[in-house]
Amino acid sequence: MPQARARIATEFRNPCCSNSQCTQCPVNAKFTVVNDMQTLLKDPRVELRTDSEVIGVVAAGGRAEGVEVRTRNGEVYEARGETVAIGANGIFNPFLLLKSGITDGPVGRGLNEQIGVYLTLDLDGVDDGDGSAHVTGVGFTEMHGDFRRTAAGGFFETRNLPKIRPERGRWRQRVDITFLLEDFRDDRNYVDILTENQAKPHAKFEDFSDYAYRGVDRIVERAPQIFAGLPIEDLRVSTRQSPGHAQLQGTVVKGRDSTKSVVDPDLIHHRIRNLLVLGASAFPTGGWANPTLTLAALSLRAADKYNGGAA
């Protein structure tokens, strides 16, 4: 599974120690802002303010003038600038806009997420648990085909964190597999602000679409066929839904029509033309792929386009 980690040591990162604990890397092998972006952080034009929370966008006369910030000790001040870009996530981007009275278009509407199907395979004579990262591989057998006209497609991940089998000599002969499927934006799912508590966003997720659930049913039916090449003793499928896969999308959707979208195709707010809203909140559909590289590319493109580039 390709990941932004160092297989060999770099100037700022140690080599991967291959212990699969990627969520909390113990040796600083993962890419982070504070290792491989040191050159940017050291630029005298860049100021990183920690222990500070942006609580609103300051806008007047059709222009953004800055952001309102609250420090950990409760001090509130304005950070002002000629251009404002917010890049929180699919919940806090719309929350900041709504809280600031910037309610143009379907802001907050269309919250969506990947839907998952979870498999546990007990194997005969084959061990799991080889590899370094906590996700060791991906499979794309269920990504393409006419079935996507009526049912969600997606990909699957194999994980390097095996559930131990309670049988001597067969501890590692079990593998966990997660299918992640696509879904559409749906206005039933949204982010807004509750009158009684305006300090925090209120996220309402009614349900996944019928299209997504048909995709789940299809994977459940096809699972034995998909993995028929493995020496499977037992295959168990769960369609329980996790609290989320951290892919919060669609709530500040991009498009050309300002009545149906919040930002334009370059992620610039339709009305406030010096305000950029970056991240997966702009995605018009909820794809099966993890969005990080795509949202990063779109953010870089937005900055270039805003500054007159041809990206």
Protein backbone atom coordinates (compact mmCIF):
# COMPACT_ATOMS: atom_id res chain seq x y z
CA MET A 1 0.00 0.00 0.00
CA PRO A 2 1.77 3.23 -1.09
CA GLN A 3 2.00 5.63 1.82
CA ALA A 4 3.78 8.88 2.67
CA ARG A 5 6.37 7.24 4.89
CA ALA A 6 10.14 7.01 4.69
CA ARG A 7 11.47 3.56 3.73
CA ILE A 8 14.96 5.00 4.16
CA ALA A 9 15.99 7.88 6.39
CA THR A 10 15.58 11.42 5.05
CA GLU A 11 16.80 14.74 6.39
CA PHE A 12 13.71 15.07 8.58
CA ARG A 13 12.39 11.52 9.00
CA ASN A 14 13.59 8.18 10.31
CA PRO A 15 13.06 5.01 8.27
CA CYS A 16 9.85 3.05 8.82
CA CYS A 17 10.28 0.50 11.62
CA SER A 18 7.61 -1.82 10.15
CA ASN A 19 5.60 -2.34 13.31
CA SER A 20 2.21 -1.44 11.71
CA GLN A 21 1.42 1.21 14.36
CA CYS A 22 0.86 3.92 11.76
CA THR A 23 -1.79 5.82 13.68
CA GLN A 24 0.85 6.83 16.24
CA CYS A 25 4.16 6.34 14.45
CA PRO A 26 6.79 5.76 17.17
CA VAL A 27 9.81 6.75 15.03
CA ASN A 28 8.62 9.77 13.02
CA ALA A 29 8.63 7.96 9.67
CA LYS A 30 5.25 9.33 8.56
CA PHE A 31 4.92 12.56 6.65
CA THR A 32 3.69 15.41 8.82
CA VAL A 33 3.65 19.19 8.54
CA VAL A 34 6.38 19.47 11.17
CA ASN A 35 8.91 17.20 9.47
CA ASP A 36 9.00 17.40 5.67
CA MET A 37 7.53 20.91 5.55
CA GLN A 38 10.17 22.44 7.80
CA THR A 39 11.39 24.67 4.99
CA LEU A 40 7.97 26.29 4.70
CA LEU A 41 7.59 26.69 8.45
CA LYS A 42 10.97 28.42 8.59
CA ASP A 43 10.01 30.91 5.87
CA PRO A 44 9.81 34.36 7.55
CA ARG A 45 6.47 34.98 5.79
CA VAL A 46 4.89 31.99 7.55
CA GLU A 47 3.61 32.15 11.11
CA LEU A 48 2.19 29.05 12.75
CA ARG A 49 -0.07 29.85 15.70
CA THR A 50 -0.78 26.95 17.99
CA ASP A 51 -3.31 26.86 20.85
CA SER A 52 -5.56 29.02 18.68
CA GLU A 53 -8.99 28.29 17.21
CA VAL A 54 -10.56 30.06 14.24
CA ILE A 55 -14.13 30.80 15.27
CA GLY A 56 -15.36 32.76 12.27
CA VAL A 57 -14.66 34.53 9.00
CA VAL A 58 -14.73 38.33 9.08
CA ALA A 59 -16.46 39.57 5.92
CA ALA A 60 -18.02 42.85 4.80
CA GLY A 61 -19.01 44.39 1.50
CA GLY A 62 -18.60 41.14 -0.38
CA ARG A 63 -14.99 40.64 0.75
CA ALA A 64 -13.30 38.58 3.43
CA GLU A 65 -11.17 40.72 5.71
CA GLY A 66 -9.73 38.01 7.93
CA VAL A 67 -10.65 35.46 10.55
CA GLU A 68 -11.65 35.72 14.19
CA VAL A 69 -9.42 33.68 16.48
CA ARG A 70 -9.79 32.52 20.08
CA THR A 71 -6.72 31.47 22.06
CA ARG A 72 -6.63 28.77 24.68
CA ASN A 73 -6.80 31.37 27.47
CA GLY A 74 -9.96 32.90 25.96
CA GLU A 75 -8.47 35.92 24.24
CA VAL A 76 -10.25 36.79 20.97
CA TYR A 77 -8.58 38.73 18.17
CA GLU A 78 -8.75 39.17 14.40
CA ALA A 79 -6.09 37.98 11.98
CA ARG A 80 -6.55 40.13 8.90
CA GLY A 81 -5.36 39.63 5.33
CA GLU A 82 -6.03 40.30 1.67
CA THR A 83 -6.99 36.67 1.05
CA VAL A 84 -8.63 34.18 3.40
CA ALA A 85 -8.48 30.41 2.94
CA ILE A 86 -10.11 27.97 5.33
CA GLY A 87 -9.32 24.26 5.22
CA ALA A 88 -11.00 22.61 8.18
CA ASN A 89 -13.05 19.58 7.09
CA GLY A 90 -16.50 18.59 5.91
CA ILE A 91 -18.03 19.58 9.26
CA PHE A 92 -16.07 22.66 10.33
CA ASN A 93 -15.81 24.37 6.93
CA PRO A 94 -19.60 24.82 6.66
CA PHE A 95 -19.84 25.54 10.40
CA LEU A 96 -17.41 28.48 10.08
CA LEU A 97 -19.31 29.85 7.09
CA LEU A 98 -22.72 29.52 8.74
CA LYS A 99 -21.45 30.98 11.99
CA SER A 100 -20.13 33.97 10.04
CA GLY A 101 -23.46 34.59 8.28
CA ILE A 102 -22.11 33.36 4.94
CA THR A 103 -25.09 31.23 3.99
CA ASP A 104 -24.97 31.39 0.19
CA GLY A 105 -25.94 28.23 -1.68
CA PRO A 106 -26.44 24.80 -0.10
CA VAL A 107 -23.79 25.39 2.55
CA GLY A 108 -23.79 22.52 5.03
CA ARG A 109 -25.95 20.27 2.90
CA GLY A 110 -24.89 16.94 1.41
CA LEU A 111 -22.65 15.52 4.13
CA ASN A 112 -21.47 12.11 2.94
CA GLU A 113 -19.06 9.33 3.82
CA GLN A 114 -17.81 6.01 2.55
CA ILE A 115 -19.86 2.98 3.50
CA GLY A 116 -18.03 -0.13 4.66
CA VAL A 117 -18.33 -3.90 4.51
CA TYR A 118 -16.08 -5.86 6.89
CA LEU A 119 -14.82 -9.40 6.32
CA THR A 120 -12.90 -11.82 8.52
CA LEU A 121 -11.28 -14.77 6.78
CA ASP A 122 -9.86 -17.78 8.62
CA LEU A 123 -7.21 -19.35 6.39
CA ASP A 124 -5.81 -22.85 6.10
CA GLY A 125 -2.02 -22.69 6.32
CA VAL A 126 -1.57 -19.08 5.21
CA ASP A 127 -0.39 -16.45 7.68
CA ASP A 128 -1.45 -12.80 7.72
CA GLY A 129 0.56 -10.02 9.35
CA ASP A 130 3.42 -9.55 6.90
CA GLY A 131 4.25 -6.05 5.76
CA SER A 132 5.04 -2.81 7.51
CA ALA A 133 2.10 -0.42 7.43
CA HIS A 134 -1.24 -1.08 9.07
CA VAL A 135 -2.81 -1.27 5.59
CA THR A 136 -0.72 -3.59 3.46
CA GLY A 137 -2.65 -3.81 0.20
CA VAL A 138 -5.64 -2.78 -1.85
CA GLY A 139 -7.86 -4.55 -4.36
CA PHE A 140 -9.88 -3.01 -7.18
CA THR A 141 -11.94 -5.93 -8.42
CA GLU A 142 -15.22 -4.19 -7.49
CA MET A 143 -14.43 -0.76 -8.87
CA HIS A 144 -15.55 -1.01 -12.51
CA GLY A 145 -18.54 -2.46 -14.32
CA ASP A 146 -22.10 -1.82 -15.44
CA PHE A 147 -23.29 -2.74 -11.95
CA ARG A 148 -22.35 0.81 -10.85
CA ARG A 149 -25.41 2.11 -12.69
CA THR A 150 -27.49 0.71 -9.84
CA ALA A 151 -25.11 -0.23 -7.01
CA ALA A 152 -22.08 1.35 -5.37
CA GLY A 153 -18.60 0.20 -6.29
CA GLY A 154 -15.39 0.51 -4.33
CA PHE A 155 -12.14 -1.10 -3.26
CA PHE A 156 -10.91 -3.24 -0.41
CA GLU A 157 -8.03 -2.96 2.03
CA THR A 158 -6.10 -5.76 3.70
CA ARG A 159 -4.79 -4.92 7.15
CA ASN A 160 -1.61 -5.77 8.99
CA LEU A 161 -3.26 -5.82 12.40
CA PRO A 162 -4.52 -9.40 12.52
CA LYS A 163 -7.10 -10.65 14.95
CA ILE A 164 -5.32 -13.55 16.60
CA ARG A 165 -6.87 -16.98 16.14
CA PRO A 166 -7.09 -18.80 19.50
CA GLU A 167 -5.48 -21.96 18.10
CA ARG A 168 -1.88 -22.96 18.79
CA GLY A 169 0.31 -22.63 15.71
CA ARG A 170 -2.39 -20.80 13.78
CA TRP A 171 -2.30 -17.42 15.50
CA ARG A 172 -1.83 -15.47 12.26
CA GLN A 173 -4.07 -17.47 9.94
CA ARG A 174 -6.79 -14.85 10.03
CA VAL A 175 -7.11 -11.72 7.91
CA ASP A 176 -9.36 -8.67 8.21
CA ILE A 177 -10.58 -7.04 5.00
CA THR A 178 -12.52 -3.79 4.68
CA PHE A 179 -14.49 -2.82 1.56
CA LEU A 180 -15.07 0.93 1.19
CA LEU A 181 -17.85 1.92 -1.19
CA GLU A 182 -18.99 5.18 -2.75
CA ASP A 183 -22.15 7.18 -2.10
CA PHE A 184 -23.93 10.30 -3.32
CA ARG A 185 -24.46 13.63 -1.60
CA ASP A 186 -27.86 13.72 0.09
CA ASP A 187 -29.49 16.81 1.57
CA ARG A 188 -30.92 14.68 4.35
CA ASN A 189 -27.39 14.67 5.75
CA TYR A 190 -26.17 18.10 6.78
CA VAL A 191 -24.27 20.37 9.14
CA ASP A 192 -25.95 23.29 10.87
CA ILE A 193 -25.91 25.26 14.12
CA LEU A 194 -28.26 24.59 17.02
CA THR A 195 -29.89 27.63 18.55
CA GLU A 196 -29.20 26.39 22.08
CA ASN A 197 -25.49 25.75 21.47
CA GLN A 198 -23.88 27.83 18.75
CA ALA A 199 -20.33 27.09 19.88
CA LYS A 200 -20.27 23.67 18.24
CA PRO A 201 -21.46 22.35 14.87
CA HIS A 202 -24.44 20.04 14.72
CA ALA A 203 -23.98 17.20 12.22
CA LYS A 204 -27.04 15.22 11.19
CA PHE A 205 -26.45 12.02 9.23
CA GLU A 206 -29.80 10.44 8.40
CA ASP A 207 -28.55 7.46 6.40
CA PHE A 208 -26.64 6.22 3.40
CA SER A 209 -28.46 6.02 0.06
CA ASP A 210 -30.24 3.00 -1.38
CA TYR A 211 -27.52 2.99 -4.05
CA ALA A 212 -24.87 2.51 -1.35
CA TYR A 213 -26.81 -0.25 0.39
CA ARG A 214 -27.26 -2.11 -2.91
CA GLY A 215 -23.48 -1.99 -3.20
CA VAL A 216 -23.18 -3.48 0.29
CA ASP A 217 -25.58 -6.30 -0.60
CA ARG A 218 -23.60 -7.01 -3.75
CA ILE A 219 -20.31 -7.33 -1.84
CA VAL A 220 -21.90 -9.65 0.74
CA GLU A 221 -23.13 -11.87 -2.09
CA ARG A 222 -19.87 -11.82 -4.04
CA ALA A 223 -17.37 -12.12 -1.18
CA PRO A 224 -16.86 -15.91 -1.48
CA GLN A 225 -16.23 -15.53 -5.22
CA ILE A 226 -13.87 -12.56 -4.83
CA PHE A 227 -11.59 -14.46 -2.45
CA ALA A 228 -12.05 -17.92 -3.93
CA GLY A 229 -8.31 -18.12 -4.65
CA LEU A 230 -7.47 -18.24 -0.94
CA PRO A 231 -7.57 -21.41 1.22
CA ILE A 232 -10.54 -20.23 3.27
CA GLU A 233 -11.83 -22.28 6.18
CA ASP A 234 -14.40 -19.73 7.27
CA LEU A 235 -15.59 -16.38 5.91
CA ARG A 236 -17.62 -14.00 8.04
CA VAL A 237 -19.18 -10.80 6.73
CA SER A 238 -20.37 -7.87 8.80
CA THR A 239 -22.27 -4.86 7.49
CA ARG A 240 -22.20 -3.07 10.85
CA GLN A 241 -21.41 0.57 10.23
CA SER A 242 -18.41 2.11 11.95
CA PRO A 243 -18.70 5.63 13.42
CA GLY A 244 -17.01 6.76 10.20
CA HIS A 245 -13.98 6.40 7.99
CA ALA A 246 -12.85 10.03 8.42
CA GLN A 247 -13.83 10.98 4.86
CA LEU A 248 -16.19 13.89 5.52
CA GLN A 249 -17.24 15.35 2.18
CA GLY A 250 -19.71 17.41 0.20
CA THR A 251 -20.91 20.18 2.53
CA VAL A 252 -19.36 23.16 0.70
CA VAL A 253 -19.87 21.70 -2.74
CA LYS A 254 -18.18 23.13 -5.82
CA GLY A 255 -19.90 23.89 -9.11
CA ARG A 256 -20.64 26.54 -11.72
CA ASP A 257 -24.20 27.34 -10.60
CA SER A 258 -24.19 29.50 -7.47
CA THR A 259 -27.70 28.38 -6.57
CA LYS A 260 -26.60 24.73 -6.46
CA SER A 261 -23.06 25.11 -5.14
CA VAL A 262 -21.09 27.18 -2.62
CA VAL A 263 -17.69 27.52 -4.30
CA ASP A 264 -16.73 27.61 -7.96
CA PRO A 265 -14.62 24.91 -9.68
CA ASP A 266 -11.48 26.67 -8.37
CA LEU A 267 -12.76 26.46 -4.76
CA ILE A 268 -13.35 30.24 -4.57
CA HIS A 269 -16.57 31.33 -2.89
CA HIS A 270 -19.13 32.39 -5.49
CA ARG A 271 -19.90 35.73 -3.86
CA ILE A 272 -16.86 36.46 -1.69
CA ARG A 273 -14.14 36.30 -4.31
CA ASN A 274 -11.16 36.48 -1.97
CA LEU A 275 -12.37 33.56 0.17
CA LEU A 276 -11.19 30.04 -0.64
CA VAL A 277 -12.74 26.99 1.02
CA LEU A 278 -10.36 24.04 0.67
CA GLY A 279 -10.72 20.35 1.33
CA ALA A 280 -13.06 17.45 0.61
CA SER A 281 -16.08 19.54 1.64
CA ALA A 282 -16.04 20.74 -2.00
CA PHE A 283 -16.42 17.26 -3.52
CA PRO A 284 -19.64 17.03 -5.60
CA THR A 285 -19.85 13.24 -5.13
CA GLY A 286 -18.61 10.86 -2.47
CA GLY A 287 -16.17 8.58 -4.26
CA TRP A 288 -14.87 5.27 -2.96
CA ALA A 289 -11.26 6.48 -2.89
CA ASN A 290 -9.73 8.05 0.20
CA PRO A 291 -9.76 11.78 -0.64
CA THR A 292 -6.51 13.06 0.87
CA LEU A 293 -4.31 13.22 -2.23
CA THR A 294 -7.17 14.60 -4.34
CA LEU A 295 -8.04 17.36 -1.88
CA ALA A 296 -4.35 18.26 -1.56
CA ALA A 297 -4.03 18.49 -5.35
CA LEU A 298 -7.20 20.58 -5.63
CA SER A 299 -5.96 22.92 -2.89
CA LEU A 300 -2.64 23.44 -4.65
CA ARG A 301 -4.52 24.02 -7.90
CA ALA A 302 -6.85 26.51 -6.21
CA ALA A 303 -3.91 28.53 -4.90
CA ASP A 304 -2.30 28.55 -8.33
CA LYS A 305 -5.50 29.53 -10.13
CA TYR A 306 -6.26 32.25 -7.59
CA ASN A 307 -2.82 33.73 -8.19
CA GLY A 308 -3.25 33.75 -11.96
CA GLY A 309 -1.75 30.39 -12.81
CA ALA A 310 -2.92 27.99 -15.47
CA ALA A 311 -3.06 24.79 -13.39
